[in-house]
Protein backbone atom coordinates (compact mmCIF):
# COMPACT_ATOMS: atom_id res chain seq x y z
CA UNK A 1 0.00 0.00 0.00
CA UNK A 2 1.62 3.24 0.99
CA UNK A 3 0.67 6.63 2.26
CA UNK A 4 2.09 10.12 2.58
CA UNK A 5 4.74 8.89 5.02
CA UNK A 6 5.89 5.81 3.13
CA UNK A 7 8.44 7.28 0.72
CA UNK A 8 10.24 9.46 3.27
CA UNK A 9 10.29 6.64 5.83
CA UNK A 10 11.80 4.28 3.23
CA UNK A 11 14.40 6.89 2.25
CA UNK A 12 15.55 7.32 5.84
CA UNK A 13 15.62 3.55 6.36
CA UNK A 14 17.99 3.32 3.40
CA UNK A 15 20.00 6.24 4.81
CA UNK A 16 20.26 4.36 8.11
CA UNK A 17 21.38 1.17 6.34
CA UNK A 18 24.15 3.13 4.61
CA UNK A 19 25.33 4.79 7.82
CA UNK A 20 25.25 1.57 9.86
CA UNK A 21 27.06 -0.42 7.17
CA UNK A 22 30.12 1.79 7.52
CA UNK A 23 30.18 2.04 11.33
CA UNK A 24 33.05 0.39 13.14
CA UNK A 25 32.67 -1.03 16.62
CA UNK A 26 34.76 1.89 17.87
CA UNK A 27 32.50 4.44 16.17
CA UNK A 28 29.44 2.88 17.82
CA UNK A 29 30.90 4.00 21.16
CA UNK A 30 31.60 7.62 20.18
CA UNK A 31 29.68 10.41 21.91
CA UNK A 32 26.83 11.73 19.77
CA UNK A 33 23.67 13.74 20.03
CA UNK A 34 24.05 15.28 23.46
CA UNK A 35 25.28 14.67 26.98
CA UNK A 36 25.67 11.00 27.79
CA UNK A 37 24.57 9.68 24.41
CA UNK A 38 26.64 7.56 22.05
CA UNK A 39 26.20 6.50 18.44
CA UNK A 40 24.86 3.09 19.54
CA UNK A 41 22.67 4.75 22.15
CA UNK A 42 21.08 6.92 19.46
CA UNK A 43 20.51 3.87 17.28
CA UNK A 44 18.82 2.15 20.22
CA UNK A 45 16.78 5.31 20.74
CA UNK A 46 15.62 5.22 17.11
CA UNK A 47 14.75 1.53 17.52
CA UNK A 48 12.71 2.23 20.64
CA UNK A 49 10.62 4.98 19.04
CA UNK A 50 10.10 2.95 15.85
CA UNK A 51 9.03 0.01 18.02
CA UNK A 52 6.57 2.32 19.75
CA UNK A 53 5.17 3.28 16.35
CA UNK A 54 4.77 -0.43 15.50
CA UNK A 55 2.74 -0.98 18.67
CA UNK A 56 0.65 2.11 17.93
CA UNK A 57 0.02 1.00 14.34
CA UNK A 58 -1.27 -2.36 15.64
CA UNK A 59 -3.52 -0.53 18.08
CA UNK A 60 -4.79 1.81 15.36
CA UNK A 61 -5.65 -1.09 13.06
CA UNK A 62 -8.02 -2.44 15.69
CA UNK A 63 -9.83 0.87 16.13
CA UNK A 64 -7.71 2.57 18.76
CA UNK A 65 -6.44 6.06 18.12
CA UNK A 66 -4.39 7.58 20.89
CA UNK A 67 -1.54 6.81 23.16
CA UNK A 68 -0.40 8.28 26.43
CA UNK A 69 1.89 11.09 25.35
CA UNK A 70 4.06 11.17 28.43
CA UNK A 71 7.01 13.47 28.87
CA UNK A 72 9.32 12.56 26.00
CA UNK A 73 12.41 13.86 27.80
CA UNK A 74 11.62 11.75 30.86
CA UNK A 75 11.10 8.70 28.64
CA UNK A 76 14.38 9.32 26.78
CA UNK A 77 16.36 9.94 29.96
CA UNK A 78 14.82 6.87 31.60
CA UNK A 79 15.72 4.52 28.77
CA UNK A 80 19.23 5.93 28.18
CA UNK A 81 21.07 3.64 30.67
CA UNK A 82 19.43 0.55 29.18
CA UNK A 83 20.27 1.61 25.64
CA UNK A 84 23.87 2.39 26.55
CA UNK A 85 24.25 -1.02 28.23
CA UNK A 86 23.31 -2.76 24.99
CA UNK A 87 26.18 -3.94 22.79
CA UNK A 88 26.67 -1.36 20.02
CA UNK A 89 26.30 -3.72 17.09
CA UNK A 90 23.06 -5.11 18.51
CA UNK A 91 21.65 -1.58 18.86
CA UNK A 92 22.45 -1.01 15.18
CA UNK A 93 20.75 -4.27 14.19
CA UNK A 94 17.67 -3.43 16.28
CA UNK A 95 17.47 0.02 14.71
CA UNK A 96 17.33 -1.51 11.23
CA UNK A 97 14.92 -4.29 12.22
CA UNK A 98 12.53 -1.92 13.98
CA UNK A 99 12.65 0.63 11.15
CA UNK A 100 11.89 -1.98 8.52
CA UNK A 101 8.99 -3.48 10.49
CA UNK A 102 7.74 -0.01 11.39
CA UNK A 103 7.69 1.06 7.73
CA UNK A 104 5.78 -2.11 6.78
CA UNK A 105 3.19 -1.48 9.48
CA UNK A 106 2.73 2.16 8.54
CA UNK A 107 2.53 1.26 4.85
CA UNK A 108 -0.27 -1.19 5.64
CA UNK A 109 -2.51 1.40 7.32
CA UNK A 110 -5.58 2.00 5.19
CA UNK A 111 -6.69 5.53 4.35
CA UNK A 112 -9.58 5.45 6.83
CA UNK A 113 -7.34 4.42 9.73
CA UNK A 114 -4.72 6.96 8.76
CA UNK A 115 -7.28 9.76 8.62
CA UNK A 116 -8.74 8.75 12.00
CA UNK A 117 -5.32 8.70 13.65
CA UNK A 118 -4.23 12.01 12.12
CA UNK A 119 -7.52 13.64 13.12
CA UNK A 120 -6.79 12.55 16.67
CA UNK A 121 -3.45 14.38 16.62
CA UNK A 122 -1.16 11.36 16.36
CA UNK A 123 1.24 12.10 13.48
CA UNK A 124 3.67 9.40 14.59
CA UNK A 125 3.84 7.78 11.17
CA UNK A 126 6.50 10.26 10.05
CA UNK A 127 9.42 8.22 11.31
CA UNK A 128 11.71 9.77 8.66
CA UNK A 129 12.14 13.09 10.45
CA UNK A 130 13.14 11.40 13.70
CA UNK A 131 15.57 9.05 11.96
CA UNK A 132 17.08 11.86 9.87
CA UNK A 133 17.67 14.04 12.93
CA UNK A 134 19.61 11.36 14.79
CA UNK A 135 21.42 10.08 11.70
CA UNK A 136 22.75 13.61 11.18
CA UNK A 137 24.01 13.60 14.77
CA UNK A 138 25.67 10.22 14.18
CA UNK A 139 27.30 11.34 10.93
CA UNK A 140 28.62 14.43 12.66
CA UNK A 141 30.06 12.30 15.47
CA UNK A 142 31.86 9.87 13.17
CA UNK A 143 33.17 12.61 10.89
C-alpha atoms as a PDB file:
ATOM      1  CA  UNK A   1       0.000   0.000   0.000  1.00  0.00           C
ATOM      2  CA  UNK A   2       1.615   3.239   0.985  1.00  0.00           C
ATOM      3  CA  UNK A   3       0.671   6.631   2.259  1.00  0.00           C
ATOM      4  CA  UNK A   4       2.086  10.115   2.585  1.00  0.00           C
ATOM      5  CA  UNK A   5       4.744   8.888   5.019  1.00  0.00           C
ATOM      6  CA  UNK A   6       5.890   5.809   3.126  1.00  0.00           C
ATOM      7  CA  UNK A   7       8.435   7.276   0.721  1.00  0.00           C
ATOM      8  CA  UNK A   8      10.245   9.465   3.270  1.00  0.00           C
ATOM      9  CA  UNK A   9      10.286   6.644   5.827  1.00  0.00           C
ATOM     10  CA  UNK A  10      11.804   4.278   3.230  1.00  0.00           C
ATOM     11  CA  UNK A  11      14.404   6.887   2.251  1.00  0.00           C
ATOM     12  CA  UNK A  12      15.546   7.324   5.840  1.00  0.00           C
ATOM     13  CA  UNK A  13      15.619   3.550   6.362  1.00  0.00           C
ATOM     14  CA  UNK A  14      17.991   3.318   3.396  1.00  0.00           C
ATOM     15  CA  UNK A  15      20.003   6.239   4.807  1.00  0.00           C
ATOM     16  CA  UNK A  16      20.258   4.360   8.114  1.00  0.00           C
ATOM     17  CA  UNK A  17      21.381   1.172   6.339  1.00  0.00           C
ATOM     18  CA  UNK A  18      24.147   3.133   4.606  1.00  0.00           C
ATOM     19  CA  UNK A  19      25.334   4.790   7.820  1.00  0.00           C
ATOM     20  CA  UNK A  20      25.253   1.565   9.862  1.00  0.00           C
ATOM     21  CA  UNK A  21      27.062  -0.418   7.169  1.00  0.00           C
ATOM     22  CA  UNK A  22      30.123   1.795   7.519  1.00  0.00           C
ATOM     23  CA  UNK A  23      30.183   2.043  11.329  1.00  0.00           C
ATOM     24  CA  UNK A  24      33.049   0.394  13.136  1.00  0.00           C
ATOM     25  CA  UNK A  25      32.670  -1.027  16.621  1.00  0.00           C
ATOM     26  CA  UNK A  26      34.763   1.892  17.872  1.00  0.00           C
ATOM     27  CA  UNK A  27      32.499   4.437  16.172  1.00  0.00           C
ATOM     28  CA  UNK A  28      29.444   2.885  17.818  1.00  0.00           C
ATOM     29  CA  UNK A  29      30.895   4.003  21.164  1.00  0.00           C
ATOM     30  CA  UNK A  30      31.600   7.618  20.178  1.00  0.00           C
ATOM     31  CA  UNK A  31      29.679  10.410  21.911  1.00  0.00           C
ATOM     32  CA  UNK A  32      26.832  11.726  19.766  1.00  0.00           C
ATOM     33  CA  UNK A  33      23.671  13.737  20.033  1.00  0.00           C
ATOM     34  CA  UNK A  34      24.048  15.280  23.456  1.00  0.00           C
ATOM     35  CA  UNK A  35      25.282  14.665  26.977  1.00  0.00           C
ATOM     36  CA  UNK A  36      25.675  11.001  27.795  1.00  0.00           C
ATOM     37  CA  UNK A  37      24.568   9.680  24.413  1.00  0.00           C
ATOM     38  CA  UNK A  38      26.641   7.558  22.055  1.00  0.00           C
ATOM     39  CA  UNK A  39      26.197   6.500  18.437  1.00  0.00           C
ATOM     40  CA  UNK A  40      24.859   3.086  19.537  1.00  0.00           C
ATOM     41  CA  UNK A  41      22.668   4.746  22.152  1.00  0.00           C
ATOM     42  CA  UNK A  42      21.084   6.922  19.459  1.00  0.00           C
ATOM     43  CA  UNK A  43      20.506   3.867  17.283  1.00  0.00           C
ATOM     44  CA  UNK A  44      18.815   2.147  20.216  1.00  0.00           C
ATOM     45  CA  UNK A  45      16.777   5.306  20.739  1.00  0.00           C
ATOM     46  CA  UNK A  46      15.619   5.223  17.110  1.00  0.00           C
ATOM     47  CA  UNK A  47      14.754   1.526  17.517  1.00  0.00           C
ATOM     48  CA  UNK A  48      12.707   2.226  20.644  1.00  0.00           C
ATOM     49  CA  UNK A  49      10.623   4.978  19.037  1.00  0.00           C
ATOM     50  CA  UNK A  50      10.104   2.950  15.848  1.00  0.00           C
ATOM     51  CA  UNK A  51       9.029   0.008  18.017  1.00  0.00           C
ATOM     52  CA  UNK A  52       6.574   2.318  19.751  1.00  0.00           C
ATOM     53  CA  UNK A  53       5.170   3.277  16.345  1.00  0.00           C
ATOM     54  CA  UNK A  54       4.769  -0.427  15.504  1.00  0.00           C
ATOM     55  CA  UNK A  55       2.737  -0.985  18.669  1.00  0.00           C
ATOM     56  CA  UNK A  56       0.650   2.109  17.934  1.00  0.00           C
ATOM     57  CA  UNK A  57       0.016   0.996  14.341  1.00  0.00           C
ATOM     58  CA  UNK A  58      -1.269  -2.365  15.638  1.00  0.00           C
ATOM     59  CA  UNK A  59      -3.516  -0.525  18.076  1.00  0.00           C
ATOM     60  CA  UNK A  60      -4.789   1.808  15.361  1.00  0.00           C
ATOM     61  CA  UNK A  61      -5.655  -1.086  13.056  1.00  0.00           C
ATOM     62  CA  UNK A  62      -8.021  -2.439  15.688  1.00  0.00           C
ATOM     63  CA  UNK A  63      -9.833   0.868  16.129  1.00  0.00           C
ATOM     64  CA  UNK A  64      -7.711   2.568  18.761  1.00  0.00           C
ATOM     65  CA  UNK A  65      -6.443   6.064  18.116  1.00  0.00           C
ATOM     66  CA  UNK A  66      -4.386   7.577  20.889  1.00  0.00           C
ATOM     67  CA  UNK A  67      -1.542   6.812  23.161  1.00  0.00           C
ATOM     68  CA  UNK A  68      -0.400   8.276  26.433  1.00  0.00           C
ATOM     69  CA  UNK A  69       1.888  11.091  25.348  1.00  0.00           C
ATOM     70  CA  UNK A  70       4.063  11.171  28.430  1.00  0.00           C
ATOM     71  CA  UNK A  71       7.009  13.468  28.872  1.00  0.00           C
ATOM     72  CA  UNK A  72       9.318  12.563  25.997  1.00  0.00           C
ATOM     73  CA  UNK A  73      12.413  13.865  27.804  1.00  0.00           C
ATOM     74  CA  UNK A  74      11.621  11.748  30.859  1.00  0.00           C
ATOM     75  CA  UNK A  75      11.102   8.698  28.637  1.00  0.00           C
ATOM     76  CA  UNK A  76      14.380   9.323  26.775  1.00  0.00           C
ATOM     77  CA  UNK A  77      16.361   9.939  29.957  1.00  0.00           C
ATOM     78  CA  UNK A  78      14.818   6.873  31.600  1.00  0.00           C
ATOM     79  CA  UNK A  79      15.724   4.520  28.772  1.00  0.00           C
ATOM     80  CA  UNK A  80      19.230   5.927  28.180  1.00  0.00           C
ATOM     81  CA  UNK A  81      21.070   3.644  30.673  1.00  0.00           C
ATOM     82  CA  UNK A  82      19.432   0.551  29.176  1.00  0.00           C
ATOM     83  CA  UNK A  83      20.271   1.609  25.636  1.00  0.00           C
ATOM     84  CA  UNK A  84      23.869   2.386  26.551  1.00  0.00           C
ATOM     85  CA  UNK A  85      24.246  -1.018  28.226  1.00  0.00           C
ATOM     86  CA  UNK A  86      23.315  -2.760  24.992  1.00  0.00           C
ATOM     87  CA  UNK A  87      26.180  -3.939  22.786  1.00  0.00           C
ATOM     88  CA  UNK A  88      26.665  -1.358  20.023  1.00  0.00           C
ATOM     89  CA  UNK A  89      26.305  -3.720  17.087  1.00  0.00           C
ATOM     90  CA  UNK A  90      23.059  -5.108  18.512  1.00  0.00           C
ATOM     91  CA  UNK A  91      21.655  -1.582  18.858  1.00  0.00           C
ATOM     92  CA  UNK A  92      22.450  -1.011  15.180  1.00  0.00           C
ATOM     93  CA  UNK A  93      20.749  -4.270  14.194  1.00  0.00           C
ATOM     94  CA  UNK A  94      17.673  -3.428  16.284  1.00  0.00           C
ATOM     95  CA  UNK A  95      17.471   0.020  14.707  1.00  0.00           C
ATOM     96  CA  UNK A  96      17.333  -1.509  11.233  1.00  0.00           C
ATOM     97  CA  UNK A  97      14.917  -4.289  12.222  1.00  0.00           C
ATOM     98  CA  UNK A  98      12.526  -1.916  13.975  1.00  0.00           C
ATOM     99  CA  UNK A  99      12.651   0.634  11.149  1.00  0.00           C
ATOM    100  CA  UNK A 100      11.888  -1.985   8.517  1.00  0.00           C
ATOM    101  CA  UNK A 101       8.991  -3.477  10.488  1.00  0.00           C
ATOM    102  CA  UNK A 102       7.740  -0.011  11.386  1.00  0.00           C
ATOM    103  CA  UNK A 103       7.694   1.057   7.734  1.00  0.00           C
ATOM    104  CA  UNK A 104       5.784  -2.108   6.777  1.00  0.00           C
ATOM    105  CA  UNK A 105       3.189  -1.476   9.483  1.00  0.00           C
ATOM    106  CA  UNK A 106       2.728   2.157   8.541  1.00  0.00           C
ATOM    107  CA  UNK A 107       2.530   1.257   4.847  1.00  0.00           C
ATOM    108  CA  UNK A 108      -0.269  -1.186   5.641  1.00  0.00           C
ATOM    109  CA  UNK A 109      -2.510   1.404   7.320  1.00  0.00           C
ATOM    110  CA  UNK A 110      -5.579   2.004   5.192  1.00  0.00           C
ATOM    111  CA  UNK A 111      -6.692   5.534   4.347  1.00  0.00           C
ATOM    112  CA  UNK A 112      -9.579   5.455   6.830  1.00  0.00           C
ATOM    113  CA  UNK A 113      -7.337   4.415   9.727  1.00  0.00           C
ATOM    114  CA  UNK A 114      -4.716   6.957   8.759  1.00  0.00           C
ATOM    115  CA  UNK A 115      -7.284   9.761   8.618  1.00  0.00           C
ATOM    116  CA  UNK A 116      -8.738   8.747  11.997  1.00  0.00           C
ATOM    117  CA  UNK A 117      -5.323   8.700  13.653  1.00  0.00           C
ATOM    118  CA  UNK A 118      -4.226  12.005  12.123  1.00  0.00           C
ATOM    119  CA  UNK A 119      -7.517  13.639  13.125  1.00  0.00           C
ATOM    120  CA  UNK A 120      -6.795  12.550  16.665  1.00  0.00           C
ATOM    121  CA  UNK A 121      -3.453  14.375  16.620  1.00  0.00           C
ATOM    122  CA  UNK A 122      -1.163  11.357  16.362  1.00  0.00           C
ATOM    123  CA  UNK A 123       1.242  12.101  13.479  1.00  0.00           C
ATOM    124  CA  UNK A 124       3.666   9.399  14.594  1.00  0.00           C
ATOM    125  CA  UNK A 125       3.837   7.782  11.175  1.00  0.00           C
ATOM    126  CA  UNK A 126       6.496  10.261  10.055  1.00  0.00           C
ATOM    127  CA  UNK A 127       9.418   8.223  11.307  1.00  0.00           C
ATOM    128  CA  UNK A 128      11.705   9.766   8.658  1.00  0.00           C
ATOM    129  CA  UNK A 129      12.144  13.091  10.453  1.00  0.00           C
ATOM    130  CA  UNK A 130      13.144  11.402  13.702  1.00  0.00           C
ATOM    131  CA  UNK A 131      15.571   9.052  11.961  1.00  0.00           C
ATOM    132  CA  UNK A 132      17.081  11.857   9.871  1.00  0.00           C
ATOM    133  CA  UNK A 133      17.667  14.044  12.931  1.00  0.00           C
ATOM    134  CA  UNK A 134      19.609  11.361  14.787  1.00  0.00           C
ATOM    135  CA  UNK A 135      21.420  10.078  11.700  1.00  0.00           C
ATOM    136  CA  UNK A 136      22.745  13.611  11.185  1.00  0.00           C
ATOM    137  CA  UNK A 137      24.008  13.598  14.766  1.00  0.00           C
ATOM    138  CA  UNK A 138      25.674  10.219  14.178  1.00  0.00           C
ATOM    139  CA  UNK A 139      27.296  11.335  10.926  1.00  0.00           C
ATOM    140  CA  UNK A 140      28.619  14.435  12.656  1.00  0.00           C
ATOM    141  CA  UNK A 141      30.062  12.305  15.475  1.00  0.00           C
ATOM    142  CA  UNK A 142      31.856   9.874  13.171  1.00  0.00           C
ATOM    143  CA  UNK A 143      33.173  12.610  10.887  1.00  0.00           C
END
